[in-house]
């Protein structure tokens, strides 16, 4: 069996709409493809931080 993973990124206020889309559009389309077995929707809330540096060397100047 082959397992395939893909990611979708949605704003928190749109996450439920994305899941609805997967259930109403994507999953039904997959189910008619020969060889398709099953699909699972995994979701999580993710917090992230982004910092900008003028050079790669700057990121090493102060360890966390």
C-alpha atoms as a PDB file:
ATOM      1  CA  UNK A   1       0.000   0.000   0.000  1.00  0.00           C
ATOM      2  CA  UNK A   2       1.169   3.526  -0.715  1.00  0.00           C
ATOM      3  CA  UNK A   3       0.502   6.335   1.733  1.00  0.00           C
ATOM      4  CA  UNK A   4       0.392   9.859   0.358  1.00  0.00           C
ATOM      5  CA  UNK A   5       0.317  12.979   2.512  1.00  0.00           C
ATOM      6  CA  UNK A   6      -0.467  16.512   1.475  1.00  0.00           C
ATOM      7  CA  UNK A   7      -0.987  19.704   3.405  1.00  0.00           C
ATOM      8  CA  UNK A   8      -3.501  22.460   3.242  1.00  0.00           C
ATOM      9  CA  UNK A   9      -2.993  25.730   5.012  1.00  0.00           C
ATOM     10  CA  UNK A  10      -5.983  27.752   6.179  1.00  0.00           C
ATOM     11  CA  UNK A  11      -6.452  30.737   8.417  1.00  0.00           C
ATOM     12  CA  UNK A  12      -8.042  29.769  11.733  1.00  0.00           C
ATOM     13  CA  UNK A  13     -11.312  31.457  10.777  1.00  0.00           C
ATOM     14  CA  UNK A  14     -11.428  29.452   7.520  1.00  0.00           C
ATOM     15  CA  UNK A  15     -10.265  26.035   8.768  1.00  0.00           C
ATOM     16  CA  UNK A  16     -13.774  24.579   9.048  1.00  0.00           C
ATOM     17  CA  UNK A  17     -14.579  25.741   5.507  1.00  0.00           C
ATOM     18  CA  UNK A  18     -11.489  23.919   4.236  1.00  0.00           C
ATOM     19  CA  UNK A  19     -12.544  20.722   5.998  1.00  0.00           C
ATOM     20  CA  UNK A  20     -16.050  21.067   4.506  1.00  0.00           C
ATOM     21  CA  UNK A  21     -14.465  21.442   1.060  1.00  0.00           C
ATOM     22  CA  UNK A  22     -12.384  18.298   1.579  1.00  0.00           C
ATOM     23  CA  UNK A  23     -15.460  16.330   2.618  1.00  0.00           C
ATOM     24  CA  UNK A  24     -17.787  17.636  -0.101  1.00  0.00           C
ATOM     25  CA  UNK A  25     -15.414  17.952  -3.083  1.00  0.00           C
ATOM     26  CA  UNK A  26     -12.009  16.317  -2.651  1.00  0.00           C
ATOM     27  CA  UNK A  27     -12.883  13.063  -0.901  1.00  0.00           C
ATOM     28  CA  UNK A  28     -15.790  12.191  -3.230  1.00  0.00           C
ATOM     29  CA  UNK A  29     -13.493  12.795  -6.231  1.00  0.00           C
ATOM     30  CA  UNK A  30     -10.828  10.521  -4.744  1.00  0.00           C
ATOM     31  CA  UNK A  31     -13.294   7.733  -4.015  1.00  0.00           C
ATOM     32  CA  UNK A  32     -14.013   7.165  -7.721  1.00  0.00           C
ATOM     33  CA  UNK A  33     -10.331   6.710  -8.633  1.00  0.00           C
ATOM     34  CA  UNK A  34      -9.421   3.014  -9.061  1.00  0.00           C
ATOM     35  CA  UNK A  35      -7.077   1.850  -6.321  1.00  0.00           C
ATOM     36  CA  UNK A  36      -8.058   4.536  -3.829  1.00  0.00           C
ATOM     37  CA  UNK A  37      -8.461   3.012  -0.356  1.00  0.00           C
ATOM     38  CA  UNK A  38      -9.208   5.733   2.203  1.00  0.00           C
ATOM     39  CA  UNK A  39      -8.346   9.223   3.400  1.00  0.00           C
ATOM     40  CA  UNK A  40      -8.063  10.864   6.781  1.00  0.00           C
ATOM     41  CA  UNK A  41      -8.266  14.515   7.730  1.00  0.00           C
ATOM     42  CA  UNK A  42      -5.767  15.496  10.393  1.00  0.00           C
ATOM     43  CA  UNK A  43      -5.861  19.016  11.761  1.00  0.00           C
ATOM     44  CA  UNK A  44      -3.954  21.062  14.262  1.00  0.00           C
ATOM     45  CA  UNK A  45      -3.591  24.637  15.340  1.00  0.00           C
ATOM     46  CA  UNK A  46      -0.108  25.895  14.762  1.00  0.00           C
ATOM     47  CA  UNK A  47       1.534  28.957  16.175  1.00  0.00           C
ATOM     48  CA  UNK A  48       4.609  30.190  14.395  1.00  0.00           C
ATOM     49  CA  UNK A  49       7.160  32.958  14.677  1.00  0.00           C
ATOM     50  CA  UNK A  50       9.256  34.490  11.954  1.00  0.00           C
ATOM     51  CA  UNK A  51      12.407  36.568  12.345  1.00  0.00           C
ATOM     52  CA  UNK A  52      14.470  38.349   9.696  1.00  0.00           C
ATOM     53  CA  UNK A  53      18.252  38.591   9.574  1.00  0.00           C
ATOM     54  CA  UNK A  54      20.641  40.433   7.298  1.00  0.00           C
ATOM     55  CA  UNK A  55      22.958  37.416   7.110  1.00  0.00           C
ATOM     56  CA  UNK A  56      23.180  33.784   8.154  1.00  0.00           C
ATOM     57  CA  UNK A  57      26.049  34.664  10.505  1.00  0.00           C
ATOM     58  CA  UNK A  58      23.752  36.853  12.580  1.00  0.00           C
ATOM     59  CA  UNK A  59      21.579  33.903  13.485  1.00  0.00           C
ATOM     60  CA  UNK A  60      24.554  32.269  15.217  1.00  0.00           C
ATOM     61  CA  UNK A  61      25.632  35.252  17.282  1.00  0.00           C
ATOM     62  CA  UNK A  62      23.334  34.557  20.233  1.00  0.00           C
ATOM     63  CA  UNK A  63      22.175  31.026  20.981  1.00  0.00           C
ATOM     64  CA  UNK A  64      18.726  30.591  22.465  1.00  0.00           C
END
